[in-house]
C-alpha atoms as a PDB file:
ATOM      1  CA  MET A   1      -0.082  -0.099  -0.267  1.00  0.00           C
ATOM      2  CA  LEU A   2       2.912   2.396   0.784  1.00  0.00           C
ATOM      3  CA  LEU A   3       4.634   1.953  -1.978  1.00  0.00           C
ATOM      4  CA  ALA A   4       2.401   2.521  -4.468  1.00  0.00           C
ATOM      5  CA  THR A   5       0.745   5.531  -2.754  1.00  0.00           C
ATOM      6  CA  PHE A   6       4.536   7.051  -2.900  1.00  0.00           C
ATOM      7  CA  LYS A   7       4.889   6.366  -6.292  1.00  0.00           C
ATOM      8  CA  LEU A   8       1.836   7.956  -7.198  1.00  0.00           C
ATOM      9  CA  CYS A   9       3.005  10.968  -5.171  1.00  0.00           C
ATOM     10  CA  ALA A  10       6.902  10.911  -5.852  1.00  0.00           C
ATOM     11  CA  GLY A  11       6.736   8.482  -8.913  1.00  0.00           C
ATOM     12  CA  SER A  12       7.682   9.232 -12.609  1.00  0.00           C
ATOM     13  CA  SER A  13       4.344  10.961 -12.943  1.00  0.00           C
ATOM     14  CA  TYR A  14       5.453  13.749 -10.361  1.00  0.00           C
ATOM     15  CA  ARG A  15       5.872  16.639 -12.757  1.00  0.00           C
ATOM     16  CA  HIS A  16       1.564  16.605 -13.879  1.00  0.00           C
ATOM     17  CA  LEU A  17       0.740  15.957 -10.100  1.00  0.00           C
ATOM     18  CA  HIS A  18       2.273  19.154  -9.312  1.00  0.00           C
ATOM     19  CA  ASN A  19      -0.597  20.973 -10.764  1.00  0.00           C
ATOM     20  CA  MET A  20      -3.266  18.419  -9.606  1.00  0.00           C
ATOM     21  CA  LYS A  21      -3.919  20.270  -6.096  1.00  0.00           C
ATOM     22  CA  GLY A  22      -6.711  17.999  -4.841  1.00  0.00           C
ATOM     23  CA  LEU A  23      -5.343  14.361  -6.103  1.00  0.00           C
ATOM     24  CA  ARG A  24      -1.546  15.448  -5.054  1.00  0.00           C
ATOM     25  CA  GLN A  25      -3.213  16.230  -1.062  1.00  0.00           C
ATOM     26  CA  GLN A  26      -5.375  13.025  -1.034  1.00  0.00           C
ATOM     27  CA  ALA A  27      -1.625  10.974  -2.445  1.00  0.00           C
ATOM     28  CA  VAL A  28       0.086  12.827   0.602  1.00  0.00           C
ATOM     29  CA  LEU A  29      -2.657  12.421   3.340  1.00  0.00           C
ATOM     30  CA  ALA A  30      -2.376   8.445   2.466  1.00  0.00           C
ATOM     31  CA  ILE A  31       1.145   8.228   2.873  1.00  0.00           C
ATOM     32  CA  GLY A  32       0.918   9.937   6.525  1.00  0.00           C
ATOM     33  CA  GLN A  33      -1.894   7.398   7.376  1.00  0.00           C
ATOM     34  CA  GLU A  34       0.015   4.723   6.330  1.00  0.00           C
ATOM     35  CA  LEU A  35       3.526   5.258   8.547  1.00  0.00           C
ATOM     36  CA  ASN A  36       1.033   6.201  11.067  1.00  0.00           C
ATOM     37  CA  ARG A  37      -0.539   2.689  10.532  1.00  0.00           C
ATOM     38  CA  ARG A  38       2.939   1.139  10.366  1.00  0.00           C
ATOM     39  CA  ALA A  39       4.231   2.935  13.777  1.00  0.00           C
ATOM     40  CA  LEU A  40       1.360   1.901  15.663  1.00  0.00           C
ATOM     41  CA  GLY A  41       1.595  -1.691  14.467  1.00  0.00           C
ATOM     42  CA  GLY A  42       3.705  -4.745  15.796  1.00  0.00           C
ATOM     43  CA  PRO A  43       4.363  -5.652  19.780  1.00  0.00           C
ATOM     44  CA  THR A  44       3.377  -3.155  22.641  1.00  0.00           C
ATOM     45  CA  PRO A  45       6.961  -0.250  23.056  1.00  0.00           C
ATOM     46  CA  GLY A  46       7.753   1.057  26.472  1.00  0.00           C
ATOM     47  CA  ALA A  47       5.996   4.473  27.234  1.00  0.00           C
ATOM     48  CA  TRP A  48       8.652   6.469  25.658  1.00  0.00           C
ATOM     49  CA  ILE A  49       9.133   4.960  22.577  1.00  0.00           C
ATOM     50  CA  SER A  50       5.719   4.297  22.131  1.00  0.00           C
ATOM     51  CA  GLN A  51       4.796   8.272  22.431  1.00  0.00           C
ATOM     52  CA  VAL A  52       7.363   8.973  19.346  1.00  0.00           C
ATOM     53  CA  ARG A  53       5.966   6.073  17.508  1.00  0.00           C
ATOM     54  CA  ARG A  54       2.570   7.120  17.594  1.00  0.00           C
ATOM     55  CA  ARG A  55       3.409  11.222  16.333  1.00  0.00           C
ATOM     56  CA  SER A  56       6.463  10.725  14.544  1.00  0.00           C
ATOM     57  CA  SER A  57       4.665   9.883  10.723  1.00  0.00           C
ATOM     58  CA  LEU A  58       4.049  13.700  10.291  1.00  0.00           C
ATOM     59  CA  LEU A  59       5.336  13.308   6.211  1.00  0.00           C
ATOM     60  CA  GLY A  60       1.933  14.431   5.065  1.00  0.00           C
ATOM     61  CA  SER A  61       1.911  17.819   6.863  1.00  0.00           C
ATOM     62  CA  ARG A  62       5.284  18.550   5.882  1.00  0.00           C
ATOM     63  CA  LEU A  63       4.680  18.203   2.342  1.00  0.00           C
ATOM     64  CA  GLU A  64       1.874  20.380   2.221  1.00  0.00           C
ATOM     65  CA  ASP A  65       3.507  23.427   3.560  1.00  0.00           C
ATOM     66  CA  THR A  66       6.725  22.575   1.734  1.00  0.00           C
ATOM     67  CA  LEU A  67       7.042  21.120  -2.391  1.00  0.00           C
ATOM     68  CA  TYR A  68       9.729  18.649  -2.875  1.00  0.00           C
ATOM     69  CA  SER A  69      11.590  16.811  -5.233  1.00  0.00           C
ATOM     70  CA  ASP A  70      10.764  13.507  -5.920  1.00  0.00           C
ATOM     71  CA  GLN A  71      14.115  12.553  -4.756  1.00  0.00           C
ATOM     72  CA  GLU A  72      13.952  14.516  -1.554  1.00  0.00           C
ATOM     73  CA  LEU A  73      10.624  12.857  -1.061  1.00  0.00           C
ATOM     74  CA  ALA A  74      12.204   9.325  -1.477  1.00  0.00           C
ATOM     75  CA  TYR A  75      15.277  10.591   1.176  1.00  0.00           C
ATOM     76  CA  ILE A  76      12.160  11.621   3.499  1.00  0.00           C
ATOM     77  CA  ARG A  77      10.304   8.739   3.228  1.00  0.00           C
ATOM     78  CA  GLN A  78      13.299   6.687   4.043  1.00  0.00           C
ATOM     79  CA  GLY A  79      14.472   8.300   6.909  1.00  0.00           C
ATOM     80  CA  GLU A  80      11.057   7.918   8.436  1.00  0.00           C
ATOM     81  CA  GLU A  81      10.980   4.166   7.574  1.00  0.00           C
ATOM     82  CA  ALA A  82      14.948   3.767   9.498  1.00  0.00           C
ATOM     83  CA  MET A  83      13.168   5.475  12.248  1.00  0.00           C
ATOM     84  CA  GLN A  84       9.909   3.254  12.775  1.00  0.00           C
ATOM     85  CA  LYS A  85      12.075   0.236  12.265  1.00  0.00           C
ATOM     86  CA  ALA A  86      14.631   1.470  14.598  1.00  0.00           C
ATOM     87  CA  LEU A  87      11.821   2.095  17.348  1.00  0.00           C
ATOM     88  CA  GLY A  88      10.102  -1.607  16.553  1.00  0.00           C
ATOM     89  CA  ILE A  89      13.538  -3.154  17.170  1.00  0.00           C
ATOM     90  CA  LEU A  90      13.738  -1.708  20.653  1.00  0.00           C
ATOM     91  CA  SER A  91      10.695  -1.823  21.676  1.00  0.00           C
ATOM     92  CA  ASN A  92      10.834  -5.841  21.645  1.00  0.00           C
ATOM     93  CA  GLN A  93      12.592  -6.411  25.197  1.00  0.00           C
ATOM     94  CA  GLU A  94      12.947 -10.163  24.358  1.00  0.00           C
ATOM     95  CA  GLY A  95      16.161 -11.878  22.922  1.00  0.00           C
ATOM     96  CA  TRP A  96      18.946  -9.263  24.278  1.00  0.00           C
ATOM     97  CA  LYS A  97      21.939 -10.774  25.207  1.00  0.00           C
ATOM     98  CA  LYS A  98      25.102  -9.176  27.247  1.00  0.00           C
ATOM     99  CA  GLU A  99      27.851  -8.388  25.795  1.00  0.00           C
ATOM    100  CA  ASN A 100      29.643  -5.587  27.684  1.00  0.00           C
ATOM    101  CA  GLN A 101      29.114  -4.330  30.901  1.00  0.00           C
ATOM    102  CA  GLN A 102      31.338  -1.592  32.548  1.00  0.00           C
ATOM    103  CA  THR A 103      31.678  -0.672  36.275  1.00  0.00           C
ATOM    104  CA  ASN A 104      30.029   2.670  35.716  1.00  0.00           C
ATOM    105  CA  GLY A 105      26.822   0.756  34.841  1.00  0.00           C
ATOM    106  CA  ASP A 106      27.053   1.186  30.637  1.00  0.00           C
ATOM    107  CA  LYS A 107      26.207  -2.046  29.312  1.00  0.00           C
ATOM    108  CA  VAL A 108      25.848  -3.293  25.764  1.00  0.00           C
ATOM    109  CA  LEU A 109      23.467  -5.435  24.751  1.00  0.00           C
ATOM    110  CA  SER A 110      22.829  -7.715  21.194  1.00  0.00           C
ATOM    111  CA  LYS A 111      20.281  -9.960  19.706  1.00  0.00           C
ATOM    112  CA  VAL A 112      19.943 -11.247  15.969  1.00  0.00           C
ATOM    113  CA  VAL A 113      16.831  -9.719  14.278  1.00  0.00           C
ATOM    114  CA  PRO A 114      15.337 -11.438  11.225  1.00  0.00           C
ATOM    115  CA  ASP A 115      16.082  -9.394   7.687  1.00  0.00           C
ATOM    116  CA  VAL A 116      18.495  -7.236   9.568  1.00  0.00           C
ATOM    117  CA  GLY A 117      21.146  -9.455  11.391  1.00  0.00           C
ATOM    118  CA  LYS A 118      22.866  -8.515  14.617  1.00  0.00           C
ATOM    119  CA  VAL A 119      22.273  -5.590  16.541  1.00  0.00           C
ATOM    120  CA  PHE A 120      23.862  -3.857  19.180  1.00  0.00           C
ATOM    121  CA  ARG A 121      22.401  -1.967  22.331  1.00  0.00           C
ATOM    122  CA  LEU A 122      24.358   0.697  24.469  1.00  0.00           C
ATOM    123  CA  GLU A 123      22.746   1.554  27.328  1.00  0.00           C
ATOM    124  CA  VAL A 124      24.058   4.701  29.666  1.00  0.00           C
ATOM    125  CA  VAL A 125      23.320   7.688  31.672  1.00  0.00           C
ATOM    126  CA  VAL A 126      25.047  10.455  30.973  1.00  0.00           C
ATOM    127  CA  ASP A 127      25.391  13.473  33.415  1.00  0.00           C
ATOM    128  CA  GLN A 128      23.885  16.197  31.353  1.00  0.00           C
ATOM    129  CA  PRO A 129      20.537  17.253  30.431  1.00  0.00           C
ATOM    130  CA  MET A 130      18.957  16.090  27.294  1.00  0.00           C
ATOM    131  CA  GLU A 131      19.114  19.825  25.356  1.00  0.00           C
ATOM    132  CA  ARG A 132      23.308  19.559  25.508  1.00  0.00           C
ATOM    133  CA  LEU A 133      23.115  16.087  24.063  1.00  0.00           C
ATOM    134  CA  TYR A 134      20.925  17.162  21.301  1.00  0.00           C
ATOM    135  CA  GLU A 135      23.071  19.920  20.568  1.00  0.00           C
ATOM    136  CA  GLU A 136      25.936  17.962  20.049  1.00  0.00           C
ATOM    137  CA  LEU A 137      24.731  15.109  18.536  1.00  0.00           C
ATOM    138  CA  VAL A 138      22.455  16.670  15.828  1.00  0.00           C
ATOM    139  CA  GLU A 139      23.698  20.413  15.150  1.00  0.00           C
ATOM    140  CA  HIS A 140      27.073  19.856  15.859  1.00  0.00           C
ATOM    141  CA  MET A 141      27.682  16.513  14.182  1.00  0.00           C
ATOM    142  CA  GLU A 142      30.206  17.518  11.773  1.00  0.00           C
ATOM    143  CA  ALA A 143      32.397  18.360  15.048  1.00  0.00           C
ATOM    144  CA  MET A 144      31.969  14.955  16.082  1.00  0.00           C
ATOM    145  CA  GLY A 145      35.669  13.654  14.733  1.00  0.00           C
ATOM    146  CA  GLU A 146      36.849  16.371  16.834  1.00  0.00           C
ATOM    147  CA  TRP A 147      36.279  14.442  19.986  1.00  0.00           C
ATOM    148  CA  ASN A 148      35.408  10.225  18.895  1.00  0.00           C
ATOM    149  CA  PRO A 149      38.797   9.092  17.469  1.00  0.00           C
ATOM    150  CA  ASN A 150      36.894   6.524  15.692  1.00  0.00           C
ATOM    151  CA  VAL A 151      35.281   9.181  13.290  1.00  0.00           C
ATOM    152  CA  LYS A 152      37.676  10.759  11.412  1.00  0.00           C
ATOM    153  CA  GLU A 153      35.056  12.892   9.401  1.00  0.00           C
ATOM    154  CA  ILE A 154      31.237  13.472   9.287  1.00  0.00           C
ATOM    155  CA  LYS A 155      30.110  15.845   6.693  1.00  0.00           C
ATOM    156  CA  VAL A 156      26.540  16.885   5.627  1.00  0.00           C
ATOM    157  CA  LEU A 157      25.945  16.523   1.945  1.00  0.00           C
ATOM    158  CA  GLN A 158      22.297  17.627   2.019  1.00  0.00           C
ATOM    159  CA  ARG A 159      19.918  19.110   4.148  1.00  0.00           C
ATOM    160  CA  ILE A 160      15.910  18.632   3.249  1.00  0.00           C
ATOM    161  CA  GLY A 161      13.746  20.767   5.312  1.00  0.00           C
ATOM    162  CA  LYS A 162      14.177  20.460   9.376  1.00  0.00           C
ATOM    163  CA  ASP A 163      14.325  16.810  10.292  1.00  0.00           C
ATOM    164  CA  THR A 164      16.473  14.975   7.240  1.00  0.00           C
ATOM    165  CA  VAL A 165      20.012  15.265   6.128  1.00  0.00           C
ATOM    166  CA  ILE A 166      22.359  13.175   4.111  1.00  0.00           C
ATOM    167  CA  THR A 167      25.480  12.523   5.523  1.00  0.00           C
ATOM    168  CA  HIS A 168      29.177  10.909   4.607  1.00  0.00           C
ATOM    169  CA  GLU A 169      30.845   9.537   7.327  1.00  0.00           C
ATOM    170  CA  LEU A 170      34.510   8.578   7.652  1.00  0.00           C
ATOM    171  CA  ALA A 171      35.322   6.300   9.974  1.00  0.00           C
ATOM    172  CA  ALA A 172      38.829   5.577  11.783  1.00  0.00           C
ATOM    173  CA  GLU A 173      40.845   2.103  11.488  1.00  0.00           C
ATOM    174  CA  ALA A 174      39.758  -0.176  14.572  1.00  0.00           C
ATOM    175  CA  ALA A 175      40.941  -3.316  16.223  1.00  0.00           C
ATOM    176  CA  GLY A 176      44.869  -2.861  15.702  1.00  0.00           C
ATOM    177  CA  ASN A 177      44.191  -1.776  11.804  1.00  0.00           C
ATOM    178  CA  LEU A 178      42.527  -5.866  11.246  1.00  0.00           C
ATOM    179  CA  VAL A 179      39.476  -3.635  10.243  1.00  0.00           C
ATOM    180  CA  GLY A 180      40.537  -0.707   7.684  1.00  0.00           C
ATOM    181  CA  PRO A 181      38.842   2.345   6.974  1.00  0.00           C
ATOM    182  CA  ARG A 182      35.555   2.399   6.312  1.00  0.00           C
ATOM    183  CA  ASP A 183      33.025   5.489   4.886  1.00  0.00           C
ATOM    184  CA  PHE A 184      29.262   5.422   5.314  1.00  0.00           C
ATOM    185  CA  VAL A 185      26.838   7.561   3.135  1.00  0.00           C
ATOM    186  CA  SER A 186      23.369   7.776   5.209  1.00  0.00           C
ATOM    187  CA  VAL A 187      20.150   9.444   5.593  1.00  0.00           C
ATOM    188  CA  ARG A 188      19.379  10.875   8.684  1.00  0.00           C
ATOM    189  CA  CYS A 189      16.033  12.013  10.553  1.00  0.00           C
ATOM    190  CA  ALA A 190      15.805  13.858  13.767  1.00  0.00           C
ATOM    191  CA  LYS A 191      13.046  14.402  15.535  1.00  0.00           C
ATOM    192  CA  ARG A 192      11.832  15.572  19.361  1.00  0.00           C
ATOM    193  CA  ARG A 193       8.562  14.173  20.654  1.00  0.00           C
ATOM    194  CA  GLY A 194       7.865  15.599  24.093  1.00  0.00           C
ATOM    195  CA  SER A 195      10.666  15.137  26.120  1.00  0.00           C
ATOM    196  CA  THR A 196      12.011  12.468  24.086  1.00  0.00           C
ATOM    197  CA  CYS A 197      14.567  13.025  21.242  1.00  0.00           C
ATOM    198  CA  VAL A 198      15.117  10.544  18.559  1.00  0.00           C
ATOM    199  CA  LEU A 199      18.066  10.283  15.968  1.00  0.00           C
ATOM    200  CA  ALA A 200      17.559   7.329  13.207  1.00  0.00           C
ATOM    201  CA  GLY A 201      19.135   6.651  10.028  1.00  0.00           C
ATOM    202  CA  MET A 202      20.661   4.134   7.467  1.00  0.00           C
ATOM    203  CA  ALA A 203      22.529   3.797   4.315  1.00  0.00           C
ATOM    204  CA  THR A 204      21.519   5.769   1.260  1.00  0.00           C
ATOM    205  CA  HIS A 205      22.416   5.827  -2.113  1.00  0.00           C
ATOM    206  CA  PHE A 206      24.067   9.604  -2.642  1.00  0.00           C
ATOM    207  CA  GLY A 207      25.193  10.005  -6.432  1.00  0.00           C
ATOM    208  CA  GLU A 208      27.709  13.077  -5.966  1.00  0.00           C
ATOM    209  CA  MET A 209      29.421  10.819  -3.274  1.00  0.00           C
ATOM    210  CA  PRO A 210      30.694   7.646  -5.049  1.00  0.00           C
ATOM    211  CA  GLU A 211      32.797   4.967  -3.345  1.00  0.00           C
ATOM    212  CA  GLN A 212      36.073   6.123  -2.452  1.00  0.00           C
ATOM    213  CA  LYS A 213      39.670   4.356  -3.294  1.00  0.00           C
ATOM    214  CA  GLY A 214      41.213   2.709  -0.813  1.00  0.00           C
ATOM    215  CA  VAL A 215      38.328   2.788   1.612  1.00  0.00           C
ATOM    216  CA  ILE A 216      35.542   0.132   2.033  1.00  0.00           C
ATOM    217  CA  ARG A 217      31.937   1.461   1.900  1.00  0.00           C
ATOM    218  CA  GLY A 218      30.206   0.002   4.492  1.00  0.00           C
ATOM    219  CA  GLU A 219      26.467   0.301   4.990  1.00  0.00           C
ATOM    220  CA  HIS A 220      23.868   1.207   8.170  1.00  0.00           C
ATOM    221  CA  GLY A 221      21.218  -0.820   8.724  1.00  0.00           C
ATOM    222  CA  PRO A 222      18.210   0.866  10.530  1.00  0.00           C
ATOM    223  CA  THR A 223      19.931   2.540  13.942  1.00  0.00           C
ATOM    224  CA  CYS A 224      18.730   5.092  16.179  1.00  0.00           C
ATOM    225  CA  MET A 225      20.012   6.846  19.315  1.00  0.00           C
ATOM    226  CA  VAL A 226      17.126   7.705  21.645  1.00  0.00           C
ATOM    227  CA  LEU A 227      17.617  10.309  24.516  1.00  0.00           C
ATOM    228  CA  HIS A 228      15.263  11.714  27.119  1.00  0.00           C
ATOM    229  CA  PRO A 229      15.749  12.752  30.909  1.00  0.00           C
ATOM    230  CA  LEU A 230      15.519  10.501  33.612  1.00  0.00           C
ATOM    231  CA  ALA A 231      12.611  10.450  35.618  1.00  0.00           C
ATOM    232  CA  GLU A 232      14.206  10.624  38.975  1.00  0.00           C
ATOM    233  CA  SER A 233      16.833  13.120  38.287  1.00  0.00           C
ATOM    234  CA  PRO A 234      15.894  15.073  34.926  1.00  0.00           C
ATOM    235  CA  SER A 235      19.221  17.128  34.655  1.00  0.00           C
ATOM    236  CA  LYS A 236      20.587  13.536  33.611  1.00  0.00           C
ATOM    237  CA  THR A 237      20.087  11.567  30.378  1.00  0.00           C
ATOM    238  CA  LYS A 238      19.244   8.323  29.058  1.00  0.00           C
ATOM    239  CA  LEU A 239      21.254   7.355  25.949  1.00  0.00           C
ATOM    240  CA  THR A 240      19.759   4.458  24.171  1.00  0.00           C
ATOM    241  CA  TRP A 241      22.074   3.636  20.906  1.00  0.00           C
ATOM    242  CA  LEU A 242      20.691   1.112  18.113  1.00  0.00           C
ATOM    243  CA  LEU A 243      23.571   0.242  16.259  1.00  0.00           C
ATOM    244  CA  SER A 244      23.032  -2.105  12.913  1.00  0.00           C
ATOM    245  CA  ILE A 245      25.882  -2.078  10.635  1.00  0.00           C
ATOM    246  CA  ASP A 246      27.456  -4.182   7.860  1.00  0.00           C
ATOM    247  CA  LEU A 247      31.158  -3.097   7.695  1.00  0.00           C
ATOM    248  CA  LYS A 248      31.493  -5.258   4.282  1.00  0.00           C
ATOM    249  CA  GLY A 249      34.991  -6.855   3.645  1.00  0.00           C
ATOM    250  CA  TRP A 250      35.928 -10.225   4.546  1.00  0.00           C
ATOM    251  CA  LEU A 251      35.873 -10.111   8.477  1.00  0.00           C
ATOM    252  CA  PRO A 252      35.440 -13.204  11.528  1.00  0.00           C
ATOM    253  CA  LYS A 253      32.648 -12.609  13.187  1.00  0.00           C
ATOM    254  CA  THR A 254      34.434 -12.132  16.386  1.00  0.00           C
ATOM    255  CA  ILE A 255      36.260  -9.697  15.345  1.00  0.00           C
ATOM    256  CA  ILE A 256      33.174  -7.544  14.118  1.00  0.00           C
ATOM    257  CA  ASN A 257      31.119  -8.438  17.295  1.00  0.00           C
ATOM    258  CA  GLN A 258      34.510  -7.011  19.134  1.00  0.00           C
ATOM    259  CA  VAL A 259      34.789  -4.043  17.435  1.00  0.00           C
ATOM    260  CA  LEU A 260      30.802  -2.827  17.404  1.00  0.00           C
ATOM    261  CA  SER A 261      30.618  -3.536  21.027  1.00  0.00           C
ATOM    262  CA  GLN A 262      33.502  -1.294  22.183  1.00  0.00           C
ATOM    263  CA  THR A 263      33.023   1.145  19.387  1.00  0.00           C
ATOM    264  CA  GLN A 264      29.706   1.871  21.362  1.00  0.00           C
ATOM    265  CA  VAL A 265      31.550   1.796  25.100  1.00  0.00           C
ATOM    266  CA  ASP A 266      33.869   4.171  23.336  1.00  0.00           C
ATOM    267  CA  PHE A 267      31.624   6.836  22.163  1.00  0.00           C
ATOM    268  CA  ALA A 268      30.030   7.165  25.666  1.00  0.00           C
ATOM    269  CA  ASN A 269      33.358   7.595  27.165  1.00  0.00           C
ATOM    270  CA  HIS A 270      34.292  10.174  24.754  1.00  0.00           C
ATOM    271  CA  LEU A 271      31.134  11.940  24.543  1.00  0.00           C
ATOM    272  CA  ARG A 272      31.248  12.422  28.371  1.00  0.00           C
ATOM    273  CA  LYS A 273      34.465  13.752  28.284  1.00  0.00           C
ATOM    274  CA  HIS A 274      34.029  15.967  25.555  1.00  0.00           C
ATOM    275  CA  LEU A 275      30.798  17.187  27.322  1.00  0.00           C
ATOM    276  CA  GLU A 276      33.019  17.942  30.504  1.00  0.00           C
ATOM    277  CA  SER A 277      35.723  19.638  29.111  1.00  0.00           C
ATOM    278  CA  SER A 278      33.629  21.976  27.066  1.00  0.00           C
ATOM    279  CA  PRO A 279      31.478  24.681  27.772  1.00  0.00           C
ATOM    280  CA  ALA A 280      27.627  24.415  26.705  1.00  0.00           C
ATOM    281  CA  PRO A 281      26.365  26.107  23.471  1.00  0.00           C
ATOM    282  CA  GLU A 282      23.125  27.347  23.535  1.00  0.00           C
ATOM    283  CA  ALA A 283      20.548  24.725  23.309  1.00  0.00           C
ATOM    284  CA  ARG A 284      18.237  24.574  20.843  1.00  0.00           C
ATOM    285  CA  CYS A 285      16.223  21.249  20.819  1.00  0.00           C
END
């Protein structure tokens, strides 16, 4: 249903629909309704995930305000789907196994998801308000390479509206150079619903960023970070990071599992150090 409706709105007949306001609005409304139906389906999630999933499908209203190209519509749709899939995985509490447990309470869990593969789930509490984390991870994402040594560079290739961006990420070597440099082209979608922020993404194709010589192009599956204040201590933030990634190339599974779980633990440590050592910018979350 969704695919057929999307083709109607943004497919080869898009130029003709441009001047057919009534039909276009019906198609846009159908997309929004279908995304909302999917968001409400599946296992019953936790309260904070449920709140985001019920209210995250705002594609229809955005499209009525702004006219996007067919390619931009495809990117928006892909970002929305990445968010719904990632939140759906997080909402299912069954089958998670412990990969890594730190003395400070940070932990990494993993499970195998049908049609996705092995995914990793980082759960940490950061002694900073949610607005501060959102500022660093969304507004200042291109500066991540300055404080996270696992990332050489993140560059925004295109912005689409206020929620969606296309990015290119160059990752550093890992596991003593056993894992060579990788890069990733992703569509990312950021939303805030009430007291919860969700940053989601997945691999995409961007014609102006072809594969680079000497670098293996990896792919992110549906992935997301969820931020929300602790109920008992609102000045602290619970951060949950779902990581689904295909590093490509030939790598033993034991190496992949070790690298990915350690990457998440390292990320939490580097983020804390950066936030503690740098002044807080003006929050705009």
